[in-house]
C-alpha cells in the first residue's frame, strides 16, 4: 500500500574495461514473500528526485507494489526534467535520493558536492549507436569526423564510444542531443548516428535503424543511486531498508521484465511506448551491488577529459554501505 501521491514538477587516455539476457514469455509475475518484521519499524520519510525513465523501473515497482511502505518508508517522488536537475535538488537539500547516470553523480562528488553513491541501479549500460540500415559505419575507424548525437561529452556511453574511437586513431563530432531529439535528428538525416539508451534504442530498432557496438556499452556500468551525505549519515538504518525494498523490486523485474504488470508500471511512470518497453526491457538487468572498478575507471576518464581534477576512488561511495552494496 502506498501512502504518498506522486508529485510532478518541471523543475556523465584509457580504455574502459569492466563487467558485463533472453526475453521470457509475457505474463504476470508472482509477488515475492512479504517482509515480516519482528519489531515495528520507525517510519522514515524519503523524498526522491527523479527524471523519469525505464532505467529507474525498480524505483517505480518498489513504490507501486508497496515495498517501501512495508519496510516503514514513506516515499515521495518528485519528477524533474533530467538527471542534473535531480542531482541539484538533492545537493541543495530539497530531496534525499536520486537515480542518475553514474557520471552525473560522480563528477559532482569529485567536485565537492555533498553527495555520495549508495548503490548501483543496473548493469550493463544499454546505450548503443543507432545508424541507418544502409549506413557505411561498420567499424570504429568509420566514426572519423561523423556527426554523432549524444547527451553529453561526460555521459558514460559517449565516453565509452570516444575511448573506442580514440583507440582506433579517430574521433567523431559529438552533437549534444538528448535521447528524443537525437532520435528525431537521426530520422531527419541531420546526423550520422545517435547514442540511444532504452527505450529510445528499441524505438530506433523497431523503426528500422541498426544498433552497433553493443560490446562497448556492455563494458560500462550504468545508473547509480545517490544520496545527500547528511541524509545517509542521519538515517543509516532507513537507507538500508530502502535498498532492501529496491532489491525486492529487482527480483520481481528480473524474473520477467516484460510481464504485463511490469510493462504497465513502466508505461505509467515514463510514458514510453509499450511496444518499445516490451522490445527492450530484457536488456535492463537490475541489481544494487556497485560496479566499483568500472565506476573508478569512469572517474579516470573524467580526469583525462578535465571534467574533474582528481579521481575520488572509493571515496565516491558511502562508507556506511561498505559490505552492503560494495
C-alpha atoms as a PDB file:
ATOM      1  CA  UNK A   1       0.000   0.000   0.000  1.00  0.00           C
ATOM      2  CA  UNK A   2       1.342   3.408  -0.978  1.00  0.00           C
ATOM      3  CA  UNK A   3       0.978   6.304   1.366  1.00  0.00           C
ATOM      4  CA  UNK A   4       2.260   9.168  -0.773  1.00  0.00           C
ATOM      5  CA  UNK A   5       0.988  10.530  -4.047  1.00  0.00           C
ATOM      6  CA  UNK A   6       3.427  11.214  -6.850  1.00  0.00           C
ATOM      7  CA  UNK A   7       4.276  14.900  -7.047  1.00  0.00           C
ATOM      8  CA  UNK A   8       5.134  16.163 -10.520  1.00  0.00           C
ATOM      9  CA  UNK A   9       7.001  19.373 -11.362  1.00  0.00           C
ATOM     10  CA  UNK A  10       9.101  20.710 -14.210  1.00  0.00           C
ATOM     11  CA  UNK A  11      11.545  21.951 -12.183  1.00  0.00           C
ATOM     12  CA  UNK A  12      28.378  11.808 -17.330  1.00  0.00           C
ATOM     13  CA  UNK A  13      43.765   8.185 -22.182  1.00  0.00           C
ATOM     14  CA  UNK A  14      42.471   4.858 -21.135  1.00  0.00           C
ATOM     15  CA  UNK A  15      40.208   2.092 -22.242  1.00  0.00           C
ATOM     16  CA  UNK A  16      37.207   1.235 -20.205  1.00  0.00           C
ATOM     17  CA  UNK A  17      37.024  -2.458 -19.395  1.00  0.00           C
ATOM     18  CA  UNK A  18      34.564  -3.653 -16.854  1.00  0.00           C
ATOM     19  CA  UNK A  19      31.765  -6.073 -16.225  1.00  0.00           C
ATOM     20  CA  UNK A  20      29.405  -7.358 -18.401  1.00  0.00           C
ATOM     21  CA  UNK A  21      19.652 -11.986 -21.471  1.00  0.00           C
ATOM     22  CA  UNK A  22      16.661 -13.624 -23.084  1.00  0.00           C
ATOM     23  CA  UNK A  23      13.146 -12.230 -23.030  1.00  0.00           C
ATOM     24  CA  UNK A  24      10.792 -14.605 -21.213  1.00  0.00           C
ATOM     25  CA  UNK A  25       7.173 -15.005 -22.149  1.00  0.00           C
ATOM     26  CA  UNK A  26       4.883 -12.129 -21.264  1.00  0.00           C
ATOM     27  CA  UNK A  27       2.842 -12.854 -18.132  1.00  0.00           C
ATOM     28  CA  UNK A  28       2.249 -11.516 -14.657  1.00  0.00           C
ATOM     29  CA  UNK A  29       4.887 -12.219 -12.034  1.00  0.00           C
ATOM     30  CA  UNK A  30       4.051 -13.632  -8.631  1.00  0.00           C
ATOM     31  CA  UNK A  31       4.745 -11.304  -5.741  1.00  0.00           C
ATOM     32  CA  UNK A  32       7.754 -12.133  -3.538  1.00  0.00           C
ATOM     33  CA  UNK A  33       7.101 -13.092   0.035  1.00  0.00           C
ATOM     34  CA  UNK A  34       6.371 -10.037   2.149  1.00  0.00           C
ATOM     35  CA  UNK A  35       8.980  -8.982   4.676  1.00  0.00           C
ATOM     36  CA  UNK A  36       7.896  -9.734   8.218  1.00  0.00           C
ATOM     37  CA  UNK A  37       9.438  -7.606  10.939  1.00  0.00           C
ATOM     38  CA  UNK A  38       9.823  -8.849  14.489  1.00  0.00           C
ATOM     39  CA  UNK A  39       9.520  -5.274  15.702  1.00  0.00           C
ATOM     40  CA  UNK A  40       7.789  -2.205  14.249  1.00  0.00           C
ATOM     41  CA  UNK A  41       9.925  -0.014  12.026  1.00  0.00           C
ATOM     42  CA  UNK A  42      10.443   3.599  12.902  1.00  0.00           C
ATOM     43  CA  UNK A  43       8.812   5.246   9.898  1.00  0.00           C
ATOM     44  CA  UNK A  44      11.074   7.460   7.829  1.00  0.00           C
ATOM     45  CA  UNK A  45      10.118   9.915   5.085  1.00  0.00           C
ATOM     46  CA  UNK A  46      12.280   9.885   1.958  1.00  0.00           C
ATOM     47  CA  UNK A  47      11.962  12.303  -0.952  1.00  0.00           C
ATOM     48  CA  UNK A  48      13.208  11.049  -4.313  1.00  0.00           C
ATOM     49  CA  UNK A  49      14.187  13.477  -7.077  1.00  0.00           C
ATOM     50  CA  UNK A  50      13.627  11.605 -10.311  1.00  0.00           C
ATOM     51  CA  UNK A  51      13.973  12.128 -14.059  1.00  0.00           C
ATOM     52  CA  UNK A  52      11.559   9.551 -15.400  1.00  0.00           C
ATOM     53  CA  UNK A  53      12.995   6.706 -17.490  1.00  0.00           C
ATOM     54  CA  UNK A  54      12.551   2.951 -17.726  1.00  0.00           C
ATOM     55  CA  UNK A  55      16.086   2.712 -16.286  1.00  0.00           C
ATOM     56  CA  UNK A  56      14.526   3.686 -12.956  1.00  0.00           C
ATOM     57  CA  UNK A  57      11.899   0.952 -13.169  1.00  0.00           C
ATOM     58  CA  UNK A  58      12.962  -0.620  -9.877  1.00  0.00           C
ATOM     59  CA  UNK A  59      12.074   2.625  -8.103  1.00  0.00           C
ATOM     60  CA  UNK A  60       8.609   2.626  -9.659  1.00  0.00           C
ATOM     61  CA  UNK A  61       7.968  -1.060  -8.993  1.00  0.00           C
ATOM     62  CA  UNK A  62       9.057  -0.747  -5.351  1.00  0.00           C
ATOM     63  CA  UNK A  63       6.749   2.260  -4.995  1.00  0.00           C
ATOM     64  CA  UNK A  64       3.730   0.785  -6.793  1.00  0.00           C
ATOM     65  CA  UNK A  65       3.914  -2.604  -5.094  1.00  0.00           C
ATOM     66  CA  UNK A  66       4.214  -1.098  -1.615  1.00  0.00           C
ATOM     67  CA  UNK A  67       7.671  -2.464  -0.840  1.00  0.00           C
ATOM     68  CA  UNK A  68       8.782   0.851   0.643  1.00  0.00           C
ATOM     69  CA  UNK A  69       5.681   1.109   2.801  1.00  0.00           C
ATOM     70  CA  UNK A  70       6.096  -2.455   4.104  1.00  0.00           C
ATOM     71  CA  UNK A  71       9.554  -1.505   5.331  1.00  0.00           C
ATOM     72  CA  UNK A  72       8.407   1.612   7.146  1.00  0.00           C
ATOM     73  CA  UNK A  73       9.339   4.137   4.460  1.00  0.00           C
ATOM     74  CA  UNK A  74       7.089   6.997   3.360  1.00  0.00           C
ATOM     75  CA  UNK A  75       8.414   7.693  -0.118  1.00  0.00           C
ATOM     76  CA  UNK A  76       7.546  10.722  -2.211  1.00  0.00           C
ATOM     77  CA  UNK A  77       8.730  11.020  -5.817  1.00  0.00           C
ATOM     78  CA  UNK A  78       9.279  14.465  -7.310  1.00  0.00           C
ATOM     79  CA  UNK A  79       9.621  14.282 -11.081  1.00  0.00           C
ATOM     80  CA  UNK A  80      12.161  16.590 -12.730  1.00  0.00           C
ATOM     81  CA  UNK A  81      13.329  17.207 -16.275  1.00  0.00           C
ATOM     82  CA  UNK A  82      16.731  15.497 -16.180  1.00  0.00           C
ATOM     83  CA  UNK A  83      19.403  13.847 -14.050  1.00  0.00           C
ATOM     84  CA  UNK A  84      21.223  17.124 -13.435  1.00  0.00           C
ATOM     85  CA  UNK A  85      18.100  18.759 -12.026  1.00  0.00           C
ATOM     86  CA  UNK A  86      17.533  15.759  -9.752  1.00  0.00           C
ATOM     87  CA  UNK A  87      21.145  15.897  -8.572  1.00  0.00           C
ATOM     88  CA  UNK A  88      20.938  19.611  -7.858  1.00  0.00           C
ATOM     89  CA  UNK A  89      17.711  19.277  -5.882  1.00  0.00           C
ATOM     90  CA  UNK A  90      19.264  16.604  -3.659  1.00  0.00           C
ATOM     91  CA  UNK A  91      22.513  18.554  -3.250  1.00  0.00           C
ATOM     92  CA  UNK A  92      20.541  21.630  -2.162  1.00  0.00           C
ATOM     93  CA  UNK A  93      18.550  19.660   0.430  1.00  0.00           C
ATOM     94  CA  UNK A  94      15.256  19.726  -1.461  1.00  0.00           C
ATOM     95  CA  UNK A  95      15.240  15.910  -1.771  1.00  0.00           C
ATOM     96  CA  UNK A  96      17.166  12.993  -0.278  1.00  0.00           C
ATOM     97  CA  UNK A  97      17.958  10.442  -3.007  1.00  0.00           C
ATOM     98  CA  UNK A  98      18.211  10.383  -6.794  1.00  0.00           C
ATOM     99  CA  UNK A  99      18.852   7.871  -9.576  1.00  0.00           C
ATOM    100  CA  UNK A 100      21.202   9.048 -12.355  1.00  0.00           C
ATOM    101  CA  UNK A 101      23.793   8.173 -14.952  1.00  0.00           C
ATOM    102  CA  UNK A 102      26.925   7.406 -12.915  1.00  0.00           C
ATOM    103  CA  UNK A 103      28.990  10.306 -14.174  1.00  0.00           C
ATOM    104  CA  UNK A 104      26.335  12.877 -13.242  1.00  0.00           C
ATOM    105  CA  UNK A 105      26.793  11.990  -9.587  1.00  0.00           C
ATOM    106  CA  UNK A 106      30.475  11.055  -9.842  1.00  0.00           C
ATOM    107  CA  UNK A 107      31.583  14.400 -11.267  1.00  0.00           C
ATOM    108  CA  UNK A 108      29.546  16.308  -8.680  1.00  0.00           C
ATOM    109  CA  UNK A 109      31.018  14.278  -5.823  1.00  0.00           C
ATOM    110  CA  UNK A 110      34.562  14.738  -7.152  1.00  0.00           C
ATOM    111  CA  UNK A 111      33.948  18.487  -7.369  1.00  0.00           C
ATOM    112  CA  UNK A 112      32.819  18.742  -3.761  1.00  0.00           C
ATOM    113  CA  UNK A 113      29.030  18.344  -3.836  1.00  0.00           C
ATOM    114  CA  UNK A 114      27.610  16.968  -0.541  1.00  0.00           C
ATOM    115  CA  UNK A 115      26.580  13.718  -2.211  1.00  0.00           C
ATOM    116  CA  UNK A 116      27.518  10.061  -2.068  1.00  0.00           C
ATOM    117  CA  UNK A 117      26.739   6.958  -4.138  1.00  0.00           C
ATOM    118  CA  UNK A 118      24.915   4.280  -2.167  1.00  0.00           C
ATOM    119  CA  UNK A 119      24.085   1.595  -4.748  1.00  0.00           C
ATOM    120  CA  UNK A 120      24.091   0.585  -8.393  1.00  0.00           C
ATOM    121  CA  UNK A 121      20.830   0.576 -10.349  1.00  0.00           C
ATOM    122  CA  UNK A 122      21.779  -1.834 -13.098  1.00  0.00           C
ATOM    123  CA  UNK A 123      24.440  -3.049 -15.494  1.00  0.00           C
ATOM    124  CA  UNK A 124      25.381  -3.071 -18.238  1.00  0.00           C
ATOM    125  CA  UNK A 125      24.815   0.284 -19.916  1.00  0.00           C
ATOM    126  CA  UNK A 126      22.205  -0.126 -22.650  1.00  0.00           C
ATOM    127  CA  UNK A 127      23.171   2.916 -24.743  1.00  0.00           C
ATOM    128  CA  UNK A 128      24.144   1.862 -28.247  1.00  0.00           C
ATOM    129  CA  UNK A 129      24.916   3.603 -31.520  1.00  0.00           C
ATOM    130  CA  UNK A 130      21.900   3.695 -33.829  1.00  0.00           C
ATOM    131  CA  UNK A 131      22.606   4.277 -37.530  1.00  0.00           C
ATOM    132  CA  UNK A 132      20.526   3.977 -40.723  1.00  0.00           C
ATOM    133  CA  UNK A 133      20.147   0.476 -42.127  1.00  0.00           C
ATOM    134  CA  UNK A 134      22.280   1.455 -45.146  1.00  0.00           C
ATOM    135  CA  UNK A 135      24.979   3.240 -43.120  1.00  0.00           C
ATOM    136  CA  UNK A 136      28.594   2.661 -44.117  1.00  0.00           C
ATOM    137  CA  UNK A 137      29.655   2.838 -40.460  1.00  0.00           C
ATOM    138  CA  UNK A 138      30.786  -0.683 -39.646  1.00  0.00           C
ATOM    139  CA  UNK A 139      33.943  -0.154 -37.574  1.00  0.00           C
ATOM    140  CA  UNK A 140      35.303   2.346 -35.067  1.00  0.00           C
ATOM    141  CA  UNK A 141      37.563   3.761 -37.802  1.00  0.00           C
ATOM    142  CA  UNK A 142      34.430   4.679 -39.755  1.00  0.00           C
ATOM    143  CA  UNK A 143      33.447   7.122 -36.986  1.00  0.00           C
ATOM    144  CA  UNK A 144      36.120   9.590 -38.148  1.00  0.00           C
ATOM    145  CA  UNK A 145      34.520  13.021 -38.487  1.00  0.00           C
ATOM    146  CA  UNK A 146      30.972  11.656 -38.277  1.00  0.00           C
ATOM    147  CA  UNK A 147      28.186  13.630 -36.610  1.00  0.00           C
ATOM    148  CA  UNK A 148      27.045  11.538 -33.652  1.00  0.00           C
ATOM    149  CA  UNK A 149      24.236  12.589 -31.330  1.00  0.00           C
ATOM    150  CA  UNK A 150      24.790  12.085 -27.605  1.00  0.00           C
ATOM    151  CA  UNK A 151      23.559  13.680 -24.429  1.00  0.00           C
ATOM    152  CA  UNK A 152      26.903  14.949 -23.106  1.00  0.00           C
ATOM    153  CA  UNK A 153      30.671  14.515 -23.560  1.00  0.00           C
ATOM    154  CA  UNK A 154      30.735  13.200 -19.979  1.00  0.00           C
ATOM    155  CA  UNK A 155      27.954  10.628 -20.466  1.00  0.00           C
ATOM    156  CA  UNK A 156      29.340   7.147 -19.845  1.00  0.00           C
ATOM    157  CA  UNK A 157      28.086   5.920 -23.251  1.00  0.00           C
ATOM    158  CA  UNK A 158      29.749   8.846 -25.045  1.00  0.00           C
ATOM    159  CA  UNK A 159      32.915   8.236 -23.027  1.00  0.00           C
ATOM    160  CA  UNK A 160      32.908   4.561 -23.958  1.00  0.00           C
ATOM    161  CA  UNK A 161      32.491   5.233 -27.686  1.00  0.00           C
ATOM    162  CA  UNK A 162      35.013   8.096 -27.555  1.00  0.00           C
ATOM    163  CA  UNK A 163      37.625   5.808 -25.998  1.00  0.00           C
ATOM    164  CA  UNK A 164      36.938   3.109 -28.607  1.00  0.00           C
ATOM    165  CA  UNK A 165      37.272   5.672 -31.404  1.00  0.00           C
ATOM    166  CA  UNK A 166      40.414   7.141 -29.847  1.00  0.00           C
ATOM    167  CA  UNK A 167      41.988   3.696 -29.606  1.00  0.00           C
ATOM    168  CA  UNK A 168      41.256   3.323 -33.338  1.00  0.00           C
ATOM    169  CA  UNK A 169      43.017   6.634 -34.000  1.00  0.00           C
ATOM    170  CA  UNK A 170      39.917   8.660 -34.882  1.00  0.00           C
ATOM    171  CA  UNK A 171      37.357  10.948 -33.309  1.00  0.00           C
ATOM    172  CA  UNK A 172      33.763  11.892 -34.084  1.00  0.00           C
ATOM    173  CA  UNK A 173      31.869  15.168 -33.964  1.00  0.00           C
ATOM    174  CA  UNK A 174      29.542  14.997 -30.961  1.00  0.00           C
ATOM    175  CA  UNK A 175      26.197  16.714 -31.434  1.00  0.00           C
ATOM    176  CA  UNK A 176      24.867  17.378 -27.932  1.00  0.00           C
ATOM    177  CA  UNK A 177      21.340  15.967 -28.029  1.00  0.00           C
ATOM    178  CA  UNK A 178      19.200  14.088 -25.505  1.00  0.00           C
ATOM    179  CA  UNK A 179      17.602  10.792 -26.492  1.00  0.00           C
ATOM    180  CA  UNK A 180      14.357  12.010 -28.050  1.00  0.00           C
ATOM    181  CA  UNK A 181      15.888  14.891 -30.026  1.00  0.00           C
ATOM    182  CA  UNK A 182      18.806  12.657 -31.077  1.00  0.00           C
ATOM    183  CA  UNK A 183      16.409  10.061 -32.480  1.00  0.00           C
ATOM    184  CA  UNK A 184      14.445  12.782 -34.283  1.00  0.00           C
ATOM    185  CA  UNK A 185      17.658  14.206 -35.756  1.00  0.00           C
ATOM    186  CA  UNK A 186      18.682  10.725 -36.896  1.00  0.00           C
ATOM    187  CA  UNK A 187      15.309  10.154 -38.531  1.00  0.00           C
ATOM    188  CA  UNK A 188      15.624  13.526 -40.294  1.00  0.00           C
ATOM    189  CA  UNK A 189      19.094  12.656 -41.628  1.00  0.00           C
ATOM    190  CA  UNK A 190      20.698  15.527 -39.732  1.00  0.00           C
ATOM    191  CA  UNK A 191      23.260  13.294 -38.008  1.00  0.00           C
ATOM    192  CA  UNK A 192      25.069  10.092 -38.981  1.00  0.00           C
ATOM    193  CA  UNK A 193      24.314   8.201 -35.787  1.00  0.00           C
ATOM    194  CA  UNK A 194      22.867   8.588 -32.317  1.00  0.00           C
ATOM    195  CA  UNK A 195      23.849   7.085 -28.988  1.00  0.00           C
ATOM    196  CA  UNK A 196      20.500   5.975 -27.614  1.00  0.00           C
ATOM    197  CA  UNK A 197      19.530   4.169 -24.423  1.00  0.00           C
ATOM    198  CA  UNK A 198      16.356   2.215 -23.762  1.00  0.00           C
ATOM    199  CA  UNK A 199      13.584   2.762 -24.674  1.00  0.00           C
ATOM    200  CA  UNK A 200      14.833   5.060 -27.474  1.00  0.00           C
ATOM    201  CA  UNK A 201      17.215   2.345 -28.700  1.00  0.00           C
ATOM    202  CA  UNK A 202      14.274  -0.029 -29.114  1.00  0.00           C
ATOM    203  CA  UNK A 203      12.221   2.694 -30.805  1.00  0.00           C
ATOM    204  CA  UNK A 204      15.058   3.151 -33.304  1.00  0.00           C
ATOM    205  CA  UNK A 205      15.438  -0.580 -33.874  1.00  0.00           C
ATOM    206  CA  UNK A 206      11.701  -1.044 -34.390  1.00  0.00           C
ATOM    207  CA  UNK A 207      11.805   1.828 -36.896  1.00  0.00           C
ATOM    208  CA  UNK A 208      14.437   0.016 -38.972  1.00  0.00           C
ATOM    209  CA  UNK A 209      17.685   1.524 -37.707  1.00  0.00           C
ATOM    210  CA  UNK A 210      20.562  -0.811 -36.849  1.00  0.00           C
ATOM    211  CA  UNK A 211      22.297  -0.825 -33.466  1.00  0.00           C
ATOM    212  CA  UNK A 212      26.093  -1.032 -33.400  1.00  0.00           C
ATOM    213  CA  UNK A 213      28.934  -1.607 -30.951  1.00  0.00           C
ATOM    214  CA  UNK A 214      26.889  -3.124 -28.135  1.00  0.00           C
ATOM    215  CA  UNK A 215      30.109  -4.592 -26.753  1.00  0.00           C
ATOM    216  CA  UNK A 216      31.209  -1.040 -25.858  1.00  0.00           C
ATOM    217  CA  UNK A 217      28.130  -0.406 -23.730  1.00  0.00           C
ATOM    218  CA  UNK A 218      28.273  -3.905 -22.245  1.00  0.00           C
ATOM    219  CA  UNK A 219      31.612  -2.931 -20.683  1.00  0.00           C
ATOM    220  CA  UNK A 220      30.173   0.121 -18.900  1.00  0.00           C
ATOM    221  CA  UNK A 221      28.454   0.368 -15.515  1.00  0.00           C
ATOM    222  CA  UNK A 222      25.089   2.060 -15.755  1.00  0.00           C
ATOM    223  CA  UNK A 223      22.983   4.128 -13.381  1.00  0.00           C
ATOM    224  CA  UNK A 224      23.631   4.627  -9.695  1.00  0.00           C
ATOM    225  CA  UNK A 225      21.525   5.504  -6.663  1.00  0.00           C
ATOM    226  CA  UNK A 226      22.895   8.553  -4.914  1.00  0.00           C
ATOM    227  CA  UNK A 227      22.030  10.491  -1.776  1.00  0.00           C
ATOM    228  CA  UNK A 228      22.806  13.570   0.239  1.00  0.00           C
ATOM    229  CA  UNK A 229      25.608  12.855   2.736  1.00  0.00           C
ATOM    230  CA  UNK A 230      23.713  14.234   5.705  1.00  0.00           C
ATOM    231  CA  UNK A 231      20.665  12.120   4.932  1.00  0.00           C
ATOM    232  CA  UNK A 232      22.701   8.899   4.802  1.00  0.00           C
ATOM    233  CA  UNK A 233      24.619   9.762   7.969  1.00  0.00           C
ATOM    234  CA  UNK A 234      21.434  10.511   9.902  1.00  0.00           C
ATOM    235  CA  UNK A 235      19.310   7.664   8.538  1.00  0.00           C
ATOM    236  CA  UNK A 236      21.646   4.715   8.039  1.00  0.00           C
ATOM    237  CA  UNK A 237      19.175   2.014   9.039  1.00  0.00           C
ATOM    238  CA  UNK A 238      16.408   3.533   6.910  1.00  0.00           C
ATOM    239  CA  UNK A 239      18.754   3.727   3.914  1.00  0.00           C
ATOM    240  CA  UNK A 240      19.474   0.012   4.296  1.00  0.00           C
ATOM    241  CA  UNK A 241      15.744  -0.695   4.349  1.00  0.00           C
ATOM    242  CA  UNK A 242      15.359   1.462   1.262  1.00  0.00           C
ATOM    243  CA  UNK A 243      17.931  -0.617  -0.618  1.00  0.00           C
ATOM    244  CA  UNK A 244      16.223  -3.777   0.603  1.00  0.00           C
ATOM    245  CA  UNK A 245      12.959  -2.590  -0.955  1.00  0.00           C
ATOM    246  CA  UNK A 246      14.743  -1.807  -4.218  1.00  0.00           C
ATOM    247  CA  UNK A 247      16.302  -5.283  -4.189  1.00  0.00           C
ATOM    248  CA  UNK A 248      12.836  -6.812  -3.853  1.00  0.00           C
ATOM    249  CA  UNK A 249      11.722  -4.818  -6.883  1.00  0.00           C
ATOM    250  CA  UNK A 250      14.810  -6.015  -8.768  1.00  0.00           C
ATOM    251  CA  UNK A 251      13.847  -9.606  -8.003  1.00  0.00           C
ATOM    252  CA  UNK A 252      10.374  -9.077  -9.425  1.00  0.00           C
ATOM    253  CA  UNK A 253      11.567  -7.298 -12.580  1.00  0.00           C
ATOM    254  CA  UNK A 254      14.419  -9.672 -13.344  1.00  0.00           C
ATOM    255  CA  UNK A 255      12.110 -12.689 -13.048  1.00  0.00           C
ATOM    256  CA  UNK A 256      10.168 -11.415 -16.050  1.00  0.00           C
ATOM    257  CA  UNK A 257      10.950  -7.882 -17.305  1.00  0.00           C
ATOM    258  CA  UNK A 258       8.103  -7.958 -19.821  1.00  0.00           C
ATOM    259  CA  UNK A 259       5.371  -9.247 -17.517  1.00  0.00           C
ATOM    260  CA  UNK A 260       2.104  -7.412 -18.078  1.00  0.00           C
ATOM    261  CA  UNK A 261       2.189  -5.669 -14.715  1.00  0.00           C
ATOM    262  CA  UNK A 262       5.838  -4.615 -15.105  1.00  0.00           C
ATOM    263  CA  UNK A 263       5.222  -3.182 -18.566  1.00  0.00           C
ATOM    264  CA  UNK A 264       2.165  -1.364 -17.251  1.00  0.00           C
ATOM    265  CA  UNK A 265       4.166   0.284 -14.448  1.00  0.00           C
ATOM    266  CA  UNK A 266       6.959   1.258 -16.863  1.00  0.00           C
ATOM    267  CA  UNK A 267       4.463   2.845 -19.244  1.00  0.00           C
ATOM    268  CA  UNK A 268       2.514   4.579 -16.477  1.00  0.00           C
ATOM    269  CA  UNK A 269       5.577   6.244 -14.981  1.00  0.00           C
ATOM    270  CA  UNK A 270       7.539   7.081 -18.141  1.00  0.00           C
ATOM    271  CA  UNK A 271       5.029   7.322 -20.971  1.00  0.00           C
ATOM    272  CA  UNK A 272       7.352   5.205 -23.138  1.00  0.00           C
ATOM    273  CA  UNK A 273       5.626   3.282 -25.962  1.00  0.00           C
ATOM    274  CA  UNK A 274       4.510  -0.138 -24.781  1.00  0.00           C
ATOM    275  CA  UNK A 275       6.000  -1.879 -27.826  1.00  0.00           C
ATOM    276  CA  UNK A 276       9.412  -0.334 -27.075  1.00  0.00           C
ATOM    277  CA  UNK A 277       9.222  -1.379 -23.425  1.00  0.00           C
ATOM    278  CA  UNK A 278       8.413  -4.958 -24.420  1.00  0.00           C
ATOM    279  CA  UNK A 279      11.140  -4.966 -27.085  1.00  0.00           C
ATOM    280  CA  UNK A 280      13.948  -3.721 -24.851  1.00  0.00           C
ATOM    281  CA  UNK A 281      13.123  -4.302 -21.186  1.00  0.00           C
ATOM    282  CA  UNK A 282      15.033  -7.592 -21.096  1.00  0.00           C
ATOM    283  CA  UNK A 283      18.220  -5.544 -21.624  1.00  0.00           C
ATOM    284  CA  UNK A 284      17.768  -3.839 -18.257  1.00  0.00           C
ATOM    285  CA  UNK A 285      19.439  -6.053 -15.656  1.00  0.00           C
ATOM    286  CA  UNK A 286      18.741  -4.573 -12.222  1.00  0.00           C
ATOM    287  CA  UNK A 287      20.896  -5.068  -9.103  1.00  0.00           C
ATOM    288  CA  UNK A 288      22.272  -2.927  -6.280  1.00  0.00           C
ATOM    289  CA  UNK A 289      25.911  -4.124  -5.989  1.00  0.00           C
ATOM    290  CA  UNK A 290      28.184  -1.269  -7.025  1.00  0.00           C
ATOM    291  CA  UNK A 291      30.463  -1.840 -10.030  1.00  0.00           C
ATOM    292  CA  UNK A 292      33.374  -0.423  -8.068  1.00  0.00           C
ATOM    293  CA  UNK A 293      36.172  -0.970 -10.606  1.00  0.00           C
ATOM    294  CA  UNK A 294      34.084   0.274 -13.514  1.00  0.00           C
ATOM    295  CA  UNK A 295      32.993   3.437 -11.728  1.00  0.00           C
ATOM    296  CA  UNK A 296      36.555   4.234 -10.695  1.00  0.00           C
ATOM    297  CA  UNK A 297      37.644   3.770 -14.321  1.00  0.00           C
ATOM    298  CA  UNK A 298      34.913   6.176 -15.464  1.00  0.00           C
ATOM    299  CA  UNK A 299      36.293   8.707 -12.990  1.00  0.00           C
ATOM    300  CA  UNK A 300      39.739   8.224 -14.506  1.00  0.00           C
ATOM    301  CA  UNK A 301      38.355   9.106 -17.917  1.00  0.00           C
ATOM    302  CA  UNK A 302      36.699  12.232 -16.484  1.00  0.00           C
ATOM    303  CA  UNK A 303      40.102  13.258 -15.137  1.00  0.00           C
ATOM    304  CA  UNK A 304      41.558  12.727 -18.622  1.00  0.00           C
ATOM    305  CA  UNK A 305      38.874  14.992 -20.100  1.00  0.00           C
ATOM    306  CA  UNK A 306      39.387  17.656 -17.437  1.00  0.00           C
ATOM    307  CA  UNK A 307      35.859  17.323 -16.005  1.00  0.00           C
ATOM    308  CA  UNK A 308      37.301  16.607 -12.578  1.00  0.00           C
ATOM    309  CA  UNK A 309      40.712  17.314 -11.074  1.00  0.00           C
ATOM    310  CA  UNK A 310      41.203  14.087  -9.152  1.00  0.00           C
ATOM    311  CA  UNK A 311      39.744  10.576  -9.172  1.00  0.00           C
ATOM    312  CA  UNK A 312      37.876  10.191  -5.855  1.00  0.00           C
ATOM    313  CA  UNK A 313      38.240   6.397  -5.944  1.00  0.00           C
ATOM    314  CA  UNK A 314      36.181   4.629  -3.311  1.00  0.00           C
ATOM    315  CA  UNK A 315      35.591   7.958  -1.567  1.00  0.00           C
ATOM    316  CA  UNK A 316      32.708   8.429  -4.014  1.00  0.00           C
ATOM    317  CA  UNK A 317      30.822   5.605  -2.256  1.00  0.00           C
ATOM    318  CA  UNK A 318      29.016   5.833   1.076  1.00  0.00           C
ATOM    319  CA  UNK A 319      31.388   4.295   3.633  1.00  0.00           C
ATOM    320  CA  UNK A 320      28.393   3.151   5.677  1.00  0.00           C
ATOM    321  CA  UNK A 321      27.265   0.977   2.745  1.00  0.00           C
ATOM    322  CA  UNK A 322      30.551  -0.925   2.589  1.00  0.00           C
ATOM    323  CA  UNK A 323      29.780  -4.615   2.943  1.00  0.00           C
ATOM    324  CA  UNK A 324      26.205  -3.962   1.811  1.00  0.00           C
ATOM    325  CA  UNK A 325      26.382  -2.650  -1.743  1.00  0.00           C
ATOM    326  CA  UNK A 326      30.152  -2.607  -2.289  1.00  0.00           C
END
